[in-house]
Amino acid sequence: MSGVNKVIIVGRLGADPEVKAVGQGSTVTRLNIATSENWMGKDGQKQERTEWHRVVVWGKLAEICGKHLSKGRQVYVEGRLQTRSWEDQQGQKKYTTEIVANTVQFLGSAGGERSTENRSSGGDDFGYQDFGPEPSFNSSDDIPF
């Protein structure tokens, strides 16, 4: 039996893309994307929760993302979840789960302005939000970032 591993998020970049050349001329780009959920609490106060997503993009799409995306830009991402493991310098096994993207669509420009090609799409304009500080991620020499 096989399963389904599909993720779709719409959010904003918390930092400029990190682009690296790896292997035989291949490109990998890491995006840190924030999604936010709003609701009214039982006390009638507006509540908000922000989730940060690590997104990895490979190949030509990675090059395009590195060239055209920047902090604050809204994007639609489709891909699959993948968990990797590695050993840190102290020999401890570490894990990270990330979205490996196969589709990235640029929805708006930084600052919440909608690009011309999306104005007629009828989609929601979420506007720019400050999601707070971007989380720091530990990395190792075995990982491209």
N, C-alpha and C. Protein backbone atom coordinates (compact mmCIF):
# COMPACT_ATOMS: atom_id res chain seq x y z
N MET A 1 0.85 -1.17 0.00
CA MET A 1 0.00 0.00 0.00
C MET A 1 0.90 1.24 0.00
N SER A 2 0.57 2.21 -0.80
CA SER A 2 1.33 3.45 -0.80
C SER A 2 0.49 4.55 -0.18
N GLY A 3 1.16 5.60 0.27
CA GLY A 3 0.47 6.72 0.92
C GLY A 3 0.62 7.98 0.10
N VAL A 4 0.11 9.05 0.65
CA VAL A 4 0.19 10.36 0.02
C VAL A 4 1.04 11.25 0.91
N ASN A 5 2.03 11.88 0.34
CA ASN A 5 2.89 12.82 1.05
C ASN A 5 2.87 14.12 0.26
N LYS A 6 1.95 15.01 0.59
CA LYS A 6 1.79 16.26 -0.14
C LYS A 6 1.55 17.39 0.84
N VAL A 7 2.26 18.49 0.64
CA VAL A 7 2.13 19.66 1.49
C VAL A 7 1.87 20.87 0.60
N ILE A 8 0.94 21.72 1.03
CA ILE A 8 0.67 22.99 0.36
C ILE A 8 0.66 24.07 1.43
N ILE A 9 1.48 25.10 1.23
CA ILE A 9 1.46 26.25 2.15
C ILE A 9 1.46 27.54 1.33
N VAL A 10 0.88 28.57 1.92
CA VAL A 10 0.96 29.93 1.40
C VAL A 10 1.46 30.77 2.55
N GLY A 11 2.59 31.43 2.35
CA GLY A 11 3.16 32.23 3.42
C GLY A 11 4.14 33.25 2.88
N ARG A 12 4.86 33.87 3.80
CA ARG A 12 5.84 34.90 3.45
C ARG A 12 7.23 34.48 3.87
N LEU A 13 8.22 34.85 3.05
CA LEU A 13 9.60 34.56 3.38
C LEU A 13 10.04 35.40 4.57
N GLY A 14 10.66 34.74 5.53
CA GLY A 14 11.17 35.44 6.71
C GLY A 14 12.57 35.96 6.52
N ALA A 15 13.21 35.57 5.44
CA ALA A 15 14.58 36.01 5.12
C ALA A 15 14.79 35.83 3.63
N ASP A 16 15.85 36.44 3.11
CA ASP A 16 16.20 36.21 1.72
C ASP A 16 16.57 34.74 1.53
N PRO A 17 16.35 34.19 0.34
CA PRO A 17 16.70 32.79 0.08
C PRO A 17 18.20 32.55 0.24
N GLU A 18 18.54 31.35 0.68
CA GLU A 18 19.94 30.92 0.75
C GLU A 18 20.19 29.99 -0.42
N VAL A 19 21.07 30.38 -1.32
CA VAL A 19 21.34 29.61 -2.53
C VAL A 19 22.74 29.01 -2.43
N LYS A 20 22.86 27.72 -2.76
CA LYS A 20 24.15 27.03 -2.74
C LYS A 20 24.29 26.18 -4.00
N ALA A 21 25.51 26.12 -4.50
CA ALA A 21 25.83 25.19 -5.59
C ALA A 21 26.35 23.92 -4.93
N VAL A 22 25.82 22.77 -5.32
CA VAL A 22 26.23 21.49 -4.76
C VAL A 22 26.46 20.49 -5.89
N GLY A 23 27.29 19.51 -5.62
CA GLY A 23 27.50 18.42 -6.58
C GLY A 23 27.98 18.89 -7.93
N GLN A 24 27.48 18.24 -8.96
CA GLN A 24 27.87 18.50 -10.34
C GLN A 24 27.05 19.63 -10.95
N GLY A 25 27.20 20.85 -10.43
CA GLY A 25 26.51 22.00 -10.98
C GLY A 25 25.06 22.12 -10.58
N SER A 26 24.61 21.35 -9.61
CA SER A 26 23.24 21.44 -9.14
C SER A 26 23.10 22.60 -8.16
N THR A 27 21.93 23.18 -8.10
CA THR A 27 21.65 24.30 -7.19
C THR A 27 20.57 23.89 -6.21
N VAL A 28 20.76 24.30 -4.96
CA VAL A 28 19.76 24.09 -3.92
C VAL A 28 19.52 25.43 -3.23
N THR A 29 18.26 25.74 -2.97
CA THR A 29 17.89 26.99 -2.31
C THR A 29 17.03 26.65 -1.10
N ARG A 30 17.34 27.30 0.03
CA ARG A 30 16.54 27.11 1.23
C ARG A 30 15.72 28.36 1.47
N LEU A 31 14.43 28.14 1.74
CA LEU A 31 13.51 29.22 2.06
C LEU A 31 12.96 28.98 3.46
N ASN A 32 12.87 30.01 4.26
CA ASN A 32 12.19 29.94 5.55
C ASN A 32 10.90 30.73 5.41
N ILE A 33 9.77 30.02 5.48
CA ILE A 33 8.47 30.61 5.20
C ILE A 33 7.60 30.58 6.44
N ALA A 34 6.97 31.72 6.72
CA ALA A 34 6.05 31.83 7.85
C ALA A 34 4.61 31.75 7.36
N THR A 35 3.82 30.95 8.06
CA THR A 35 2.38 30.94 7.87
C THR A 35 1.76 31.36 9.19
N SER A 36 0.63 32.01 9.12
CA SER A 36 0.02 32.55 10.32
C SER A 36 -1.45 32.19 10.37
N GLU A 37 -1.92 31.90 11.57
CA GLU A 37 -3.32 31.57 11.80
C GLU A 37 -3.88 32.56 12.82
N ASN A 38 -5.05 33.12 12.54
CA ASN A 38 -5.71 34.07 13.43
C ASN A 38 -7.05 33.52 13.87
N TRP A 39 -7.42 33.78 15.12
CA TRP A 39 -8.72 33.40 15.63
C TRP A 39 -9.06 34.26 16.83
N MET A 40 -10.33 34.21 17.22
CA MET A 40 -10.78 34.93 18.41
C MET A 40 -10.76 33.97 19.58
N GLY A 41 -10.10 34.36 20.66
CA GLY A 41 -10.04 33.55 21.86
C GLY A 41 -11.37 33.59 22.61
N LYS A 42 -11.49 32.74 23.61
CA LYS A 42 -12.70 32.69 24.42
C LYS A 42 -12.97 34.01 25.11
N ASP A 43 -11.90 34.77 25.36
CA ASP A 43 -12.04 36.07 26.02
C ASP A 43 -12.36 37.19 25.03
N GLY A 44 -12.54 36.86 23.74
CA GLY A 44 -12.87 37.85 22.74
C GLY A 44 -11.66 38.57 22.16
N GLN A 45 -10.46 38.22 22.61
CA GLN A 45 -9.25 38.84 22.12
C GLN A 45 -8.74 38.09 20.88
N LYS A 46 -8.20 38.86 19.95
CA LYS A 46 -7.63 38.27 18.74
C LYS A 46 -6.37 37.49 19.13
N GLN A 47 -6.27 36.27 18.64
CA GLN A 47 -5.11 35.40 18.89
C GLN A 47 -4.42 35.14 17.55
N GLU A 48 -3.12 34.91 17.60
CA GLU A 48 -2.36 34.61 16.39
C GLU A 48 -1.26 33.62 16.71
N ARG A 49 -1.05 32.67 15.79
CA ARG A 49 0.03 31.71 15.91
C ARG A 49 0.76 31.66 14.57
N THR A 50 2.07 31.76 14.63
CA THR A 50 2.90 31.70 13.43
C THR A 50 3.70 30.40 13.44
N GLU A 51 3.70 29.71 12.33
CA GLU A 51 4.50 28.51 12.14
C GLU A 51 5.58 28.81 11.12
N TRP A 52 6.78 28.32 11.37
CA TRP A 52 7.90 28.48 10.42
C TRP A 52 8.14 27.16 9.71
N HIS A 53 8.33 27.24 8.40
CA HIS A 53 8.53 26.06 7.57
C HIS A 53 9.86 26.17 6.83
N ARG A 54 10.64 25.13 6.93
CA ARG A 54 11.88 25.04 6.14
C ARG A 54 11.51 24.43 4.80
N VAL A 55 11.88 25.12 3.72
CA VAL A 55 11.56 24.65 2.37
C VAL A 55 12.86 24.54 1.59
N VAL A 56 13.03 23.42 0.90
CA VAL A 56 14.21 23.20 0.06
C VAL A 56 13.75 23.08 -1.38
N VAL A 57 14.43 23.79 -2.28
CA VAL A 57 14.10 23.79 -3.70
C VAL A 57 15.36 23.40 -4.46
N TRP A 58 15.24 22.53 -5.45
CA TRP A 58 16.40 22.03 -6.20
C TRP A 58 16.33 22.44 -7.67
N GLY A 59 17.50 22.46 -8.32
CA GLY A 59 17.61 22.62 -9.76
C GLY A 59 17.29 24.01 -10.28
N LYS A 60 16.69 24.05 -11.46
CA LYS A 60 16.37 25.31 -12.13
C LYS A 60 15.42 26.16 -11.30
N LEU A 61 14.43 25.51 -10.66
CA LEU A 61 13.49 26.23 -9.82
C LEU A 61 14.22 26.89 -8.65
N ALA A 62 15.24 26.23 -8.12
CA ALA A 62 16.05 26.81 -7.04
C ALA A 62 16.76 28.07 -7.51
N GLU A 63 17.29 28.05 -8.73
CA GLU A 63 17.96 29.22 -9.29
C GLU A 63 16.98 30.39 -9.45
N ILE A 64 15.78 30.09 -9.95
CA ILE A 64 14.77 31.13 -10.16
C ILE A 64 14.35 31.73 -8.82
N CYS A 65 14.13 30.87 -7.82
CA CYS A 65 13.75 31.37 -6.49
C CYS A 65 14.84 32.25 -5.90
N GLY A 66 16.09 31.83 -6.04
CA GLY A 66 17.20 32.62 -5.52
C GLY A 66 17.33 33.97 -6.19
N LYS A 67 16.98 34.04 -7.46
CA LYS A 67 17.10 35.27 -8.22
C LYS A 67 15.95 36.25 -7.98
N HIS A 68 14.73 35.73 -7.80
CA HIS A 68 13.55 36.60 -7.80
C HIS A 68 12.85 36.76 -6.45
N LEU A 69 13.19 35.95 -5.47
CA LEU A 69 12.51 36.06 -4.17
C LEU A 69 13.35 36.85 -3.18
N SER A 70 12.68 37.46 -2.21
CA SER A 70 13.37 38.18 -1.14
C SER A 70 12.46 38.20 0.09
N LYS A 71 13.03 38.57 1.20
CA LYS A 71 12.32 38.62 2.47
C LYS A 71 11.00 39.38 2.31
N GLY A 72 9.93 38.82 2.88
CA GLY A 72 8.63 39.46 2.84
C GLY A 72 7.75 39.03 1.68
N ARG A 73 8.33 38.41 0.66
CA ARG A 73 7.58 38.01 -0.52
C ARG A 73 6.62 36.87 -0.20
N GLN A 74 5.40 36.96 -0.68
CA GLN A 74 4.42 35.91 -0.46
C GLN A 74 4.56 34.85 -1.54
N VAL A 75 4.51 33.57 -1.13
CA VAL A 75 4.66 32.47 -2.08
C VAL A 75 3.67 31.36 -1.77
N TYR A 76 3.34 30.62 -2.81
CA TYR A 76 2.58 29.38 -2.73
C TYR A 76 3.58 28.27 -2.97
N VAL A 77 3.62 27.27 -2.09
CA VAL A 77 4.58 26.17 -2.21
C VAL A 77 3.83 24.85 -2.15
N GLU A 78 4.16 23.97 -3.09
CA GLU A 78 3.66 22.60 -3.10
C GLU A 78 4.86 21.68 -3.07
N GLY A 79 4.78 20.62 -2.28
CA GLY A 79 5.88 19.68 -2.24
C GLY A 79 5.55 18.50 -1.33
N ARG A 80 6.61 17.90 -0.78
CA ARG A 80 6.46 16.75 0.10
C ARG A 80 7.31 16.94 1.35
N LEU A 81 6.90 16.32 2.44
CA LEU A 81 7.69 16.36 3.67
C LEU A 81 8.81 15.34 3.59
N GLN A 82 9.96 15.74 4.10
CA GLN A 82 11.11 14.83 4.14
C GLN A 82 11.87 15.09 5.44
N THR A 83 12.24 14.01 6.13
CA THR A 83 13.05 14.13 7.34
C THR A 83 14.44 13.59 7.04
N ARG A 84 15.44 14.37 7.40
CA ARG A 84 16.84 13.98 7.23
C ARG A 84 17.48 13.84 8.60
N SER A 85 18.54 13.05 8.66
CA SER A 85 19.30 12.94 9.90
C SER A 85 20.79 13.07 9.59
N TRP A 86 21.54 13.50 10.58
CA TRP A 86 22.98 13.63 10.47
C TRP A 86 23.56 13.62 11.88
N GLU A 87 24.87 13.48 11.97
CA GLU A 87 25.54 13.55 13.26
C GLU A 87 26.25 14.89 13.37
N ASP A 88 26.07 15.53 14.54
CA ASP A 88 26.74 16.81 14.76
C ASP A 88 28.20 16.55 15.17
N GLN A 89 28.93 17.60 15.45
CA GLN A 89 30.35 17.49 15.77
C GLN A 89 30.61 16.70 17.04
N GLN A 90 29.62 16.62 17.92
CA GLN A 90 29.76 15.86 19.16
C GLN A 90 29.28 14.41 19.00
N GLY A 91 28.90 14.02 17.79
CA GLY A 91 28.46 12.65 17.53
C GLY A 91 26.99 12.41 17.85
N GLN A 92 26.23 13.46 18.17
CA GLN A 92 24.81 13.34 18.47
C GLN A 92 24.01 13.29 17.16
N LYS A 93 23.05 12.37 17.09
CA LYS A 93 22.21 12.28 15.90
C LYS A 93 21.17 13.41 15.96
N LYS A 94 21.08 14.17 14.87
CA LYS A 94 20.14 15.28 14.75
C LYS A 94 19.19 14.98 13.60
N TYR A 95 17.98 15.55 13.71
CA TYR A 95 16.94 15.37 12.69
C TYR A 95 16.37 16.72 12.30
N THR A 96 15.95 16.82 11.06
CA THR A 96 15.19 17.99 10.62
C THR A 96 14.14 17.53 9.60
N THR A 97 12.98 18.15 9.67
CA THR A 97 11.92 17.88 8.71
C THR A 97 11.70 19.13 7.90
N GLU A 98 11.64 18.97 6.59
CA GLU A 98 11.50 20.11 5.70
C GLU A 98 10.56 19.76 4.56
N ILE A 99 10.15 20.79 3.86
CA ILE A 99 9.32 20.61 2.67
C ILE A 99 10.26 20.64 1.47
N VAL A 100 10.23 19.60 0.66
CA VAL A 100 10.97 19.58 -0.60
C VAL A 100 9.98 20.02 -1.67
N ALA A 101 10.19 21.23 -2.19
CA ALA A 101 9.22 21.86 -3.09
C ALA A 101 9.38 21.36 -4.52
N ASN A 102 8.25 21.14 -5.18
CA ASN A 102 8.28 20.89 -6.62
C ASN A 102 7.54 22.00 -7.37
N THR A 103 6.81 22.86 -6.64
CA THR A 103 6.13 24.02 -7.21
C THR A 103 6.31 25.21 -6.27
N VAL A 104 6.73 26.34 -6.81
CA VAL A 104 6.79 27.59 -6.07
C VAL A 104 6.20 28.66 -6.97
N GLN A 105 5.11 29.29 -6.51
CA GLN A 105 4.49 30.38 -7.27
C GLN A 105 4.65 31.67 -6.49
N PHE A 106 5.09 32.72 -7.15
CA PHE A 106 5.29 34.02 -6.52
C PHE A 106 3.95 34.74 -6.53
N LEU A 107 3.41 35.03 -5.34
CA LEU A 107 2.06 35.60 -5.26
C LEU A 107 2.04 37.12 -5.14
N GLY A 108 3.02 37.69 -4.54
CA GLY A 108 3.02 39.13 -4.34
C GLY A 108 4.45 39.59 -4.11
N SER A 109 4.64 40.89 -4.09
CA SER A 109 5.99 41.40 -3.85
C SER A 109 6.14 41.72 -2.37
N ALA A 110 7.37 41.96 -1.95
CA ALA A 110 7.63 42.34 -0.56
C ALA A 110 6.84 43.59 -0.24
N GLY A 111 6.37 43.69 0.97
CA GLY A 111 5.60 44.87 1.37
C GLY A 111 4.12 44.72 1.14
N GLY A 112 3.69 43.56 0.61
CA GLY A 112 2.26 43.30 0.48
C GLY A 112 1.66 43.76 -0.82
N GLU A 113 2.42 44.37 -1.72
CA GLU A 113 1.87 44.78 -3.01
C GLU A 113 1.68 43.55 -3.86
N ARG A 114 0.57 43.49 -4.55
CA ARG A 114 0.32 42.35 -5.42
C ARG A 114 0.93 42.63 -6.79
N SER A 115 1.54 41.60 -7.35
CA SER A 115 2.13 41.79 -8.66
C SER A 115 1.02 41.83 -9.71
N THR A 116 1.31 42.43 -10.85
CA THR A 116 0.32 42.64 -11.90
C THR A 116 -0.34 41.34 -12.33
N GLU A 117 0.45 40.26 -12.47
CA GLU A 117 -0.12 39.02 -12.96
C GLU A 117 -1.07 38.37 -11.97
N ASN A 118 -1.08 38.81 -10.70
CA ASN A 118 -1.96 38.21 -9.71
C ASN A 118 -3.13 39.11 -9.32
N ARG A 119 -3.21 40.32 -9.79
CA ARG A 119 -4.28 41.23 -9.38
C ARG A 119 -5.64 40.73 -9.81
N SER A 120 -5.71 40.06 -10.94
CA SER A 120 -7.00 39.61 -11.42
C SER A 120 -7.33 38.19 -10.97
N SER A 121 -6.49 37.59 -10.15
CA SER A 121 -6.70 36.20 -9.76
C SER A 121 -7.83 36.03 -8.77
N GLY A 122 -8.24 37.13 -8.10
CA GLY A 122 -9.33 37.03 -7.15
C GLY A 122 -8.91 36.46 -5.82
N GLY A 123 -7.61 36.23 -5.61
CA GLY A 123 -7.13 35.67 -4.35
C GLY A 123 -7.12 36.71 -3.25
N ASP A 124 -7.01 36.25 -2.02
CA ASP A 124 -6.95 37.15 -0.88
C ASP A 124 -5.63 37.89 -0.86
N ASP A 125 -5.65 39.14 -0.44
CA ASP A 125 -4.43 39.92 -0.25
C ASP A 125 -4.19 39.99 1.25
N PHE A 126 -3.26 39.19 1.73
CA PHE A 126 -3.01 39.08 3.15
C PHE A 126 -2.21 40.25 3.69
N GLY A 127 -1.55 41.01 2.82
CA GLY A 127 -0.75 42.14 3.28
C GLY A 127 0.50 41.67 4.01
N TYR A 128 1.44 42.57 4.19
CA TYR A 128 2.69 42.23 4.86
C TYR A 128 2.46 42.15 6.36
N GLN A 129 3.02 41.14 6.97
CA GLN A 129 2.95 40.98 8.42
C GLN A 129 4.35 40.77 8.95
N ASP A 130 4.62 41.30 10.15
CA ASP A 130 5.88 41.01 10.82
C ASP A 130 5.64 39.79 11.68
N PHE A 131 6.27 38.67 11.33
CA PHE A 131 6.07 37.41 12.02
C PHE A 131 7.03 37.23 13.18
N GLY A 132 7.78 38.26 13.53
CA GLY A 132 8.76 38.14 14.60
C GLY A 132 10.06 37.58 14.07
N PRO A 133 10.99 37.34 14.95
CA PRO A 133 12.30 36.90 14.49
C PRO A 133 12.26 35.52 13.85
N GLU A 134 13.03 35.38 12.80
CA GLU A 134 13.16 34.10 12.14
C GLU A 134 13.94 33.16 13.05
N PRO A 135 13.50 31.91 13.18
CA PRO A 135 14.24 30.99 14.05
C PRO A 135 15.60 30.66 13.46
N SER A 136 16.54 30.39 14.33
CA SER A 136 17.86 29.96 13.86
C SER A 136 17.87 28.45 13.82
N PHE A 137 18.52 27.90 12.80
CA PHE A 137 18.60 26.45 12.64
C PHE A 137 20.05 26.04 12.71
N ASN A 138 20.33 24.98 13.46
CA ASN A 138 21.68 24.45 13.50
C ASN A 138 21.96 23.73 12.21
N SER A 139 23.18 23.80 11.75
CA SER A 139 23.54 23.10 10.53
C SER A 139 24.85 22.37 10.72
N SER A 140 25.19 21.54 9.78
CA SER A 140 26.40 20.74 9.83
C SER A 140 27.06 20.82 8.46
N ASP A 141 28.35 20.47 8.41
CA ASP A 141 29.06 20.48 7.14
C ASP A 141 28.47 19.47 6.15
N ASP A 142 27.74 18.46 6.67
CA ASP A 142 27.14 17.45 5.81
C ASP A 142 25.89 17.96 5.10
N ILE A 143 25.37 19.11 5.53
CA ILE A 143 24.14 19.66 4.97
C ILE A 143 24.51 20.89 4.14
N PRO A 144 23.85 21.09 3.00
CA PRO A 144 24.22 22.22 2.15
C PRO A 144 24.06 23.57 2.80
N PHE A 145 23.37 23.67 3.93
CA PHE A 145 23.17 24.95 4.59
C PHE A 145 23.82 24.92 5.93
